[in-house]
Amino acid sequence: MRKRTGGLSLKLGKGMRHFIVREGFDPVYGARLLKRMIQKWIQGPLGRYVLENEPPGDTVITAYFNPEIQTVSFQVDEIKAKSV
């Protein structure tokens, strides 16, 4: 899964995808919880990561989830060359 904004692309690692899907659905409330999960586990931490690390434009960042310590981490996977 990729989201592209302002030259940055976001990919979700397999563990992150599974965590969001598993925890983001409730049989009673449906997928309402999904929005909160994305805000808490992806948007907020990703915003802090981008502000602290200032990755260049055209960068692919992957979000990883560590279930043992319940944390998310980000890694720059590639910097795409700009086409002329």
PDB file of N, CA and C in Angstrom:
ATOM      1  N   MET A   1       0.848  -1.176   0.000  1.00  0.00           N
ATOM      2  CA  MET A   1       0.000   0.000   0.000  1.00  0.00           C
ATOM      3  C   MET A   1       0.891   1.235   0.000  1.00  0.00           C
ATOM      4  N   ARG A   2       0.626   2.181  -0.898  1.00  0.00           N
ATOM      5  CA  ARG A   2       1.422   3.392  -1.023  1.00  0.00           C
ATOM      6  C   ARG A   2       0.551   4.626  -1.018  1.00  0.00           C
ATOM      7  N   LYS A   3       0.986   5.645  -0.323  1.00  0.00           N
ATOM      8  CA  LYS A   3       0.317   6.942  -0.338  1.00  0.00           C
ATOM      9  C   LYS A   3       1.357   7.967  -0.730  1.00  0.00           C
ATOM     10  N   ARG A   4       1.048   8.802  -1.723  1.00  0.00           N
ATOM     11  CA  ARG A   4       2.010   9.768  -2.236  1.00  0.00           C
ATOM     12  C   ARG A   4       1.529  11.182  -1.946  1.00  0.00           C
ATOM     13  N   THR A   5       2.379  11.981  -1.308  1.00  0.00           N
ATOM     14  CA  THR A   5       2.062  13.367  -0.990  1.00  0.00           C
ATOM     15  C   THR A   5       3.341  14.192  -1.013  1.00  0.00           C
ATOM     16  N   GLY A   6       3.357  15.293  -1.739  1.00  0.00           N
ATOM     17  CA  GLY A   6       4.479  16.221  -1.714  1.00  0.00           C
ATOM     18  C   GLY A   6       5.835  15.594  -2.000  1.00  0.00           C
ATOM     19  N   GLY A   7       5.881  14.624  -2.879  1.00  0.00           N
ATOM     20  CA  GLY A   7       7.152  14.012  -3.219  1.00  0.00           C
ATOM     21  C   GLY A   7       7.530  12.841  -2.341  1.00  0.00           C
ATOM     22  N   LEU A   8       6.816  12.615  -1.257  1.00  0.00           N
ATOM     23  CA  LEU A   8       7.095  11.476  -0.384  1.00  0.00           C
ATOM     24  C   LEU A   8       6.075  10.377  -0.658  1.00  0.00           C
ATOM     25  N   SER A   9       6.540   9.144  -0.644  1.00  0.00           N
ATOM     26  CA  SER A   9       5.640   7.993  -0.776  1.00  0.00           C
ATOM     27  C   SER A   9       5.727   7.181   0.504  1.00  0.00           C
ATOM     28  N   LEU A  10       4.605   6.643   0.924  1.00  0.00           N
ATOM     29  CA  LEU A  10       4.559   5.820   2.123  1.00  0.00           C
ATOM     30  C   LEU A  10       4.164   4.405   1.753  1.00  0.00           C
ATOM     31  N   LYS A  11       4.949   3.446   2.216  1.00  0.00           N
ATOM     32  CA  LYS A  11       4.607   2.034   2.080  1.00  0.00           C
ATOM     33  C   LYS A  11       4.416   1.484   3.480  1.00  0.00           C
ATOM     34  N   LEU A  12       3.496   0.547   3.608  1.00  0.00           N
ATOM     35  CA  LEU A  12       3.298  -0.114   4.891  1.00  0.00           C
ATOM     36  C   LEU A  12       3.907  -1.498   4.822  1.00  0.00           C
ATOM     37  N   GLY A  13       4.779  -1.794   5.778  1.00  0.00           N
ATOM     38  CA  GLY A  13       5.348  -3.126   5.865  1.00  0.00           C
ATOM     39  C   GLY A  13       4.251  -4.132   6.182  1.00  0.00           C
ATOM     40  N   LYS A  14       4.513  -5.389   5.920  1.00  0.00           N
ATOM     41  CA  LYS A  14       3.511  -6.442   6.112  1.00  0.00           C
ATOM     42  C   LYS A  14       2.958  -6.452   7.539  1.00  0.00           C
ATOM     43  N   GLY A  15       3.827  -6.353   8.530  1.00  0.00           N
ATOM     44  CA  GLY A  15       3.387  -6.352   9.919  1.00  0.00           C
ATOM     45  C   GLY A  15       2.507  -5.159  10.243  1.00  0.00           C
ATOM     46  N   MET A  16       2.828  -3.996   9.669  1.00  0.00           N
ATOM     47  CA  MET A  16       2.034  -2.787   9.899  1.00  0.00           C
ATOM     48  C   MET A  16       0.655  -2.944   9.288  1.00  0.00           C
ATOM     49  N   ARG A  17       0.593  -3.456   8.063  1.00  0.00           N
ATOM     50  CA  ARG A  17      -0.700  -3.686   7.406  1.00  0.00           C
ATOM     51  C   ARG A  17      -1.573  -4.631   8.235  1.00  0.00           C
ATOM     52  N   HIS A  18      -0.986  -5.728   8.680  1.00  0.00           N
ATOM     53  CA  HIS A  18      -1.739  -6.703   9.466  1.00  0.00           C
ATOM     54  C   HIS A  18      -2.247  -6.093  10.771  1.00  0.00           C
ATOM     55  N   PHE A  19      -1.411  -5.318  11.436  1.00  0.00           N
ATOM     56  CA  PHE A  19      -1.796  -4.688  12.693  1.00  0.00           C
ATOM     57  C   PHE A  19      -2.970  -3.727  12.484  1.00  0.00           C
ATOM     58  N   ILE A  20      -2.876  -2.864  11.483  1.00  0.00           N
ATOM     59  CA  ILE A  20      -3.927  -1.874  11.215  1.00  0.00           C
ATOM     60  C   ILE A  20      -5.238  -2.572  10.861  1.00  0.00           C
ATOM     61  N   VAL A  21      -5.171  -3.585  10.017  1.00  0.00           N
ATOM     62  CA  VAL A  21      -6.389  -4.302   9.617  1.00  0.00           C
ATOM     63  C   VAL A  21      -6.992  -5.059  10.797  1.00  0.00           C
ATOM     64  N   ARG A  22      -6.154  -5.736  11.547  1.00  0.00           N
ATOM     65  CA  ARG A  22      -6.633  -6.545  12.672  1.00  0.00           C
ATOM     66  C   ARG A  22      -7.256  -5.672  13.768  1.00  0.00           C
ATOM     67  N   GLU A  23      -6.582  -4.581  14.118  1.00  0.00           N
ATOM     68  CA  GLU A  23      -7.041  -3.742  15.215  1.00  0.00           C
ATOM     69  C   GLU A  23      -7.999  -2.629  14.771  1.00  0.00           C
ATOM     70  N   GLY A  24      -8.103  -2.388  13.476  1.00  0.00           N
ATOM     71  CA  GLY A  24      -8.891  -1.268  12.974  1.00  0.00           C
ATOM     72  C   GLY A  24     -10.325  -1.609  12.643  1.00  0.00           C
ATOM     73  N   PHE A  25     -10.758  -2.815  12.977  1.00  0.00           N
ATOM     74  CA  PHE A  25     -12.141  -3.196  12.687  1.00  0.00           C
ATOM     75  C   PHE A  25     -12.799  -3.749  13.937  1.00  0.00           C
ATOM     76  N   ASP A  26     -14.029  -3.335  14.154  1.00  0.00           N
ATOM     77  CA  ASP A  26     -14.815  -3.831  15.276  1.00  0.00           C
ATOM     78  C   ASP A  26     -16.158  -4.298  14.721  1.00  0.00           C
ATOM     79  N   PRO A  27     -16.620  -5.492  15.090  1.00  0.00           N
ATOM     80  CA  PRO A  27     -17.886  -5.991  14.546  1.00  0.00           C
ATOM     81  C   PRO A  27     -19.074  -5.064  14.813  1.00  0.00           C
ATOM     82  N   VAL A  28     -19.058  -4.338  15.914  1.00  0.00           N
ATOM     83  CA  VAL A  28     -20.169  -3.446  16.247  1.00  0.00           C
ATOM     84  C   VAL A  28     -20.067  -2.129  15.488  1.00  0.00           C
ATOM     85  N   TYR A  29     -18.873  -1.534  15.467  1.00  0.00           N
ATOM     86  CA  TYR A  29     -18.693  -0.199  14.881  1.00  0.00           C
ATOM     87  C   TYR A  29     -18.120  -0.219  13.472  1.00  0.00           C
ATOM     88  N   GLY A  30     -17.826  -1.371  12.949  1.00  0.00           N
ATOM     89  CA  GLY A  30     -17.279  -1.465  11.606  1.00  0.00           C
ATOM     90  C   GLY A  30     -15.863  -0.907  11.546  1.00  0.00           C
ATOM     91  N   ALA A  31     -15.591  -0.109  10.515  1.00  0.00           N
ATOM     92  CA  ALA A  31     -14.236   0.405  10.290  1.00  0.00           C
ATOM     93  C   ALA A  31     -14.019   1.800  10.874  1.00  0.00           C
ATOM     94  N   ARG A  32     -14.926   2.286  11.723  1.00  0.00           N
ATOM     95  CA  ARG A  32     -14.737   3.618  12.325  1.00  0.00           C
ATOM     96  C   ARG A  32     -13.414   3.712  13.067  1.00  0.00           C
ATOM     97  N   LEU A  33     -13.058   2.638  13.710  1.00  0.00           N
ATOM     98  CA  LEU A  33     -11.811   2.599  14.463  1.00  0.00           C
ATOM     99  C   LEU A  33     -10.585   2.727  13.550  1.00  0.00           C
ATOM    100  N   LEU A  34     -10.740   2.340  12.291  1.00  0.00           N
ATOM    101  CA  LEU A  34      -9.630   2.376  11.337  1.00  0.00           C
ATOM    102  C   LEU A  34      -9.032   3.777  11.216  1.00  0.00           C
ATOM    103  N   LYS A  35      -9.883   4.784  11.139  1.00  0.00           N
ATOM    104  CA  LYS A  35      -9.399   6.163  11.023  1.00  0.00           C
ATOM    105  C   LYS A  35      -8.532   6.535  12.227  1.00  0.00           C
ATOM    106  N   ARG A  36      -8.990   6.187  13.415  1.00  0.00           N
ATOM    107  CA  ARG A  36      -8.218   6.497  14.623  1.00  0.00           C
ATOM    108  C   ARG A  36      -6.902   5.733  14.656  1.00  0.00           C
ATOM    109  N   MET A  37      -6.940   4.486  14.202  1.00  0.00           N
ATOM    110  CA  MET A  37      -5.718   3.679  14.155  1.00  0.00           C
ATOM    111  C   MET A  37      -4.685   4.328  13.234  1.00  0.00           C
ATOM    112  N   ILE A  38      -5.134   4.762  12.073  1.00  0.00           N
ATOM    113  CA  ILE A  38      -4.220   5.393  11.110  1.00  0.00           C
ATOM    114  C   ILE A  38      -3.656   6.687  11.690  1.00  0.00           C
ATOM    115  N   GLN A  39      -4.493   7.481  12.331  1.00  0.00           N
ATOM    116  CA  GLN A  39      -4.015   8.725  12.928  1.00  0.00           C
ATOM    117  C   GLN A  39      -2.990   8.453  14.027  1.00  0.00           C
ATOM    118  N   LYS A  40      -3.300   7.506  14.902  1.00  0.00           N
ATOM    119  CA  LYS A  40      -2.429   7.230  16.054  1.00  0.00           C
ATOM    120  C   LYS A  40      -1.132   6.539  15.649  1.00  0.00           C
ATOM    121  N   TRP A  41      -1.213   5.549  14.784  1.00  0.00           N
ATOM    122  CA  TRP A  41      -0.053   4.704  14.499  1.00  0.00           C
ATOM    123  C   TRP A  41       0.713   5.091  13.245  1.00  0.00           C
ATOM    124  N   ILE A  42       0.110   5.915  12.356  1.00  0.00           N
ATOM    125  CA  ILE A  42       0.824   6.275  11.124  1.00  0.00           C
ATOM    126  C   ILE A  42       0.988   7.791  10.989  1.00  0.00           C
ATOM    127  N   GLN A  43      -0.117   8.536  10.952  1.00  0.00           N
ATOM    128  CA  GLN A  43      -0.021   9.974  10.685  1.00  0.00           C
ATOM    129  C   GLN A  43       0.826  10.727  11.704  1.00  0.00           C
ATOM    130  N   GLY A  44       0.544  10.557  12.975  1.00  0.00           N
ATOM    131  CA  GLY A  44       1.296  11.270  14.012  1.00  0.00           C
ATOM    132  C   GLY A  44       2.773  10.915  14.014  1.00  0.00           C
ATOM    133  N   PRO A  45       3.097   9.613  14.128  1.00  0.00           N
ATOM    134  CA  PRO A  45       4.513   9.235  14.134  1.00  0.00           C
ATOM    135  C   PRO A  45       5.235   9.588  12.821  1.00  0.00           C
ATOM    136  N   LEU A  46       4.544   9.468  11.691  1.00  0.00           N
ATOM    137  CA  LEU A  46       5.180   9.805  10.410  1.00  0.00           C
ATOM    138  C   LEU A  46       5.471  11.300  10.338  1.00  0.00           C
ATOM    139  N   GLY A  47       4.543  12.118  10.822  1.00  0.00           N
ATOM    140  CA  GLY A  47       4.773  13.565  10.841  1.00  0.00           C
ATOM    141  C   GLY A  47       6.004  13.923  11.661  1.00  0.00           C
ATOM    142  N   ARG A  48       6.131  13.306  12.838  1.00  0.00           N
ATOM    143  CA  ARG A  48       7.320  13.556  13.667  1.00  0.00           C
ATOM    144  C   ARG A  48       8.587  13.083  12.954  1.00  0.00           C
ATOM    145  N   TYR A  49       8.514  11.911  12.317  1.00  0.00           N
ATOM    146  CA  TYR A  49       9.679  11.370  11.607  1.00  0.00           C
ATOM    147  C   TYR A  49      10.121  12.327  10.495  1.00  0.00           C
ATOM    148  N   VAL A  50       9.176  12.818   9.714  1.00  0.00           N
ATOM    149  CA  VAL A  50       9.512  13.722   8.603  1.00  0.00           C
ATOM    150  C   VAL A  50      10.098  15.024   9.130  1.00  0.00           C
ATOM    151  N   LEU A  51       9.533  15.580  10.192  1.00  0.00           N
ATOM    152  CA  LEU A  51      10.067  16.828  10.752  1.00  0.00           C
ATOM    153  C   LEU A  51      11.475  16.649  11.313  1.00  0.00           C
ATOM    154  N   GLU A  52      11.721  15.515  11.963  1.00  0.00           N
ATOM    155  CA  GLU A  52      13.026  15.280  12.572  1.00  0.00           C
ATOM    156  C   GLU A  52      14.098  14.896  11.556  1.00  0.00           C
ATOM    157  N   ASN A  53      13.732  14.169  10.516  1.00  0.00           N
ATOM    158  CA  ASN A  53      14.721  13.622   9.579  1.00  0.00           C
ATOM    159  C   ASN A  53      14.793  14.341   8.245  1.00  0.00           C
ATOM    160  N   GLU A  54      13.800  15.142   7.931  1.00  0.00           N
ATOM    161  CA  GLU A  54      13.758  15.915   6.696  1.00  0.00           C
ATOM    162  C   GLU A  54      14.189  15.106   5.471  1.00  0.00           C
ATOM    163  N   PRO A  55      13.469  14.035   5.138  1.00  0.00           N
ATOM    164  CA  PRO A  55      13.845  13.259   3.954  1.00  0.00           C
ATOM    165  C   PRO A  55      13.634  14.088   2.691  1.00  0.00           C
ATOM    166  N   PRO A  56      14.489  13.895   1.682  1.00  0.00           N
ATOM    167  CA  PRO A  56      14.340  14.649   0.438  1.00  0.00           C
ATOM    168  C   PRO A  56      13.072  14.249  -0.305  1.00  0.00           C
ATOM    169  N   GLY A  57      12.646  15.105  -1.237  1.00  0.00           N
ATOM    170  CA  GLY A  57      11.485  14.778  -2.059  1.00  0.00           C
ATOM    171  C   GLY A  57      11.740  13.512  -2.861  1.00  0.00           C
ATOM    172  N   ASP A  58      10.693  12.926  -3.380  1.00  0.00           N
ATOM    173  CA  ASP A  58      10.755  11.679  -4.147  1.00  0.00           C
ATOM    174  C   ASP A  58      11.371  10.546  -3.336  1.00  0.00           C
ATOM    175  N   THR A  59      11.043  10.500  -2.051  1.00  0.00           N
ATOM    176  CA  THR A  59      11.550   9.463  -1.165  1.00  0.00           C
ATOM    177  C   THR A  59      10.433   8.480  -0.840  1.00  0.00           C
ATOM    178  N   VAL A  60      10.781   7.207  -0.782  1.00  0.00           N
ATOM    179  CA  VAL A  60       9.836   6.177  -0.350  1.00  0.00           C
ATOM    180  C   VAL A  60      10.173   5.819   1.096  1.00  0.00           C
ATOM    181  N   ILE A  61       9.201   6.001   1.976  1.00  0.00           N
ATOM    182  CA  ILE A  61       9.372   5.693   3.395  1.00  0.00           C
ATOM    183  C   ILE A  61       8.469   4.503   3.716  1.00  0.00           C
ATOM    184  N   THR A  62       9.019   3.515   4.408  1.00  0.00           N
ATOM    185  CA  THR A  62       8.234   2.350   4.793  1.00  0.00           C
ATOM    186  C   THR A  62       7.991   2.374   6.297  1.00  0.00           C
ATOM    187  N   ALA A  63       6.737   2.110   6.678  1.00  0.00           N
ATOM    188  CA  ALA A  63       6.357   2.035   8.085  1.00  0.00           C
ATOM    189  C   ALA A  63       6.366   0.573   8.516  1.00  0.00           C
ATOM    190  N   TYR A  64       7.045   0.303   9.621  1.00  0.00           N
ATOM    191  CA  TYR A  64       7.134  -1.048  10.169  1.00  0.00           C
ATOM    192  C   TYR A  64       6.530  -1.054  11.570  1.00  0.00           C
ATOM    193  N   PHE A  65       5.890  -2.150  11.927  1.00  0.00           N
ATOM    194  CA  PHE A  65       5.315  -2.286  13.266  1.00  0.00           C
ATOM    195  C   PHE A  65       6.019  -3.416  13.996  1.00  0.00           C
ATOM    196  N   ASN A  66       6.453  -3.144  15.237  1.00  0.00           N
ATOM    197  CA  ASN A  66       7.088  -4.164  16.066  1.00  0.00           C
ATOM    198  C   ASN A  66       6.065  -4.601  17.122  1.00  0.00           C
ATOM    199  N   PRO A  67       5.468  -5.789  16.952  1.00  0.00           N
ATOM    200  CA  PRO A  67       4.419  -6.224  17.882  1.00  0.00           C
ATOM    201  C   PRO A  67       4.928  -6.518  19.293  1.00  0.00           C
ATOM    202  N   GLU A  68       6.204  -6.848  19.424  1.00  0.00           N
ATOM    203  CA  GLU A  68       6.737  -7.185  20.741  1.00  0.00           C
ATOM    204  C   GLU A  68       6.740  -5.987  21.686  1.00  0.00           C
ATOM    205  N   ILE A  69       7.052  -4.811  21.134  1.00  0.00           N
ATOM    206  CA  ILE A  69       7.094  -3.608  21.980  1.00  0.00           C
ATOM    207  C   ILE A  69       6.051  -2.564  21.559  1.00  0.00           C
ATOM    208  N   GLN A  70       5.144  -2.966  20.653  1.00  0.00           N
ATOM    209  CA  GLN A  70       4.034  -2.109  20.227  1.00  0.00           C
ATOM    210  C   GLN A  70       4.503  -0.721  19.773  1.00  0.00           C
ATOM    211  N   THR A  71       5.461  -0.700  18.845  1.00  0.00           N
ATOM    212  CA  THR A  71       5.940   0.570  18.313  1.00  0.00           C
ATOM    213  C   THR A  71       5.987   0.530  16.795  1.00  0.00           C
ATOM    214  N   VAL A  72       5.961   1.706  16.226  1.00  0.00           N
ATOM    215  CA  VAL A  72       6.094   1.845  14.782  1.00  0.00           C
ATOM    216  C   VAL A  72       7.437   2.515  14.504  1.00  0.00           C
ATOM    217  N   SER A  73       8.076   2.099  13.422  1.00  0.00           N
ATOM    218  CA  SER A  73       9.320   2.739  13.015  1.00  0.00           C
ATOM    219  C   SER A  73       9.254   2.995  11.514  1.00  0.00           C
ATOM    220  N   PHE A  74      10.079   3.914  11.074  1.00  0.00           N
ATOM    221  CA  PHE A  74      10.088   4.291   9.666  1.00  0.00           C
ATOM    222  C   PHE A  74      11.495   4.159   9.124  1.00  0.00           C
ATOM    223  N   GLN A  75      11.574   3.830   7.855  1.00  0.00           N
ATOM    224  CA  GLN A  75      12.873   3.683   7.196  1.00  0.00           C
ATOM    225  C   GLN A  75      12.752   4.212   5.774  1.00  0.00           C
ATOM    226  N   VAL A  76      13.742   5.000   5.362  1.00  0.00           N
ATOM    227  CA  VAL A  76      13.798   5.448   3.976  1.00  0.00           C
ATOM    228  C   VAL A  76      14.281   4.275   3.147  1.00  0.00           C
ATOM    229  N   ASP A  77      13.444   3.812   2.245  1.00  0.00           N
ATOM    230  CA  ASP A  77      13.794   2.660   1.438  1.00  0.00           C
ATOM    231  C   ASP A  77      14.497   3.028   0.144  1.00  0.00           C
ATOM    232  N   GLU A  78      14.068   4.125  -0.455  1.00  0.00           N
ATOM    233  CA  GLU A  78      14.709   4.524  -1.708  1.00  0.00           C
ATOM    234  C   GLU A  78      14.448   5.992  -1.975  1.00  0.00           C
ATOM    235  N   ILE A  79      15.342   6.572  -2.699  1.00  0.00           N
ATOM    236  CA  ILE A  79      15.178   7.940  -3.168  1.00  0.00           C
ATOM    237  C   ILE A  79      15.135   7.844  -4.691  1.00  0.00           C
ATOM    238  N   LYS A  80      13.992   8.178  -5.243  1.00  0.00           N
ATOM    239  CA  LYS A  80      13.815   8.052  -6.685  1.00  0.00           C
ATOM    240  C   LYS A  80      14.535   9.186  -7.407  1.00  0.00           C
ATOM    241  N   ALA A  81      15.161   8.850  -8.511  1.00  0.00           N
ATOM    242  CA  ALA A  81      15.824   9.871  -9.340  1.00  0.00           C
ATOM    243  C   ALA A  81      14.756  10.664 -10.070  1.00  0.00           C
ATOM    244  N   LYS A  82      14.937  11.968 -10.115  1.00  0.00           N
ATOM    245  CA  LYS A  82      13.978  12.814 -10.838  1.00  0.00           C
ATOM    246  C   LYS A  82      14.236  12.699 -12.319  1.00  0.00           C
ATOM    247  N   SER A  83      13.145  12.556 -13.077  1.00  0.00           N
ATOM    248  CA  SER A  83      13.289  12.482 -14.531  1.00  0.00           C
ATOM    249  C   SER A  83      13.309  13.884 -15.109  1.00  0.00           C
ATOM    250  N   VAL A  84      14.060  14.061 -16.182  1.00  0.00           N
ATOM    251  CA  VAL A  84      14.214  15.373 -16.797  1.00  0.00           C
ATOM    252  C   VAL A  84      13.257  15.538 -17.931  1.00  0.00           C
TER     253      VAL A  84
END
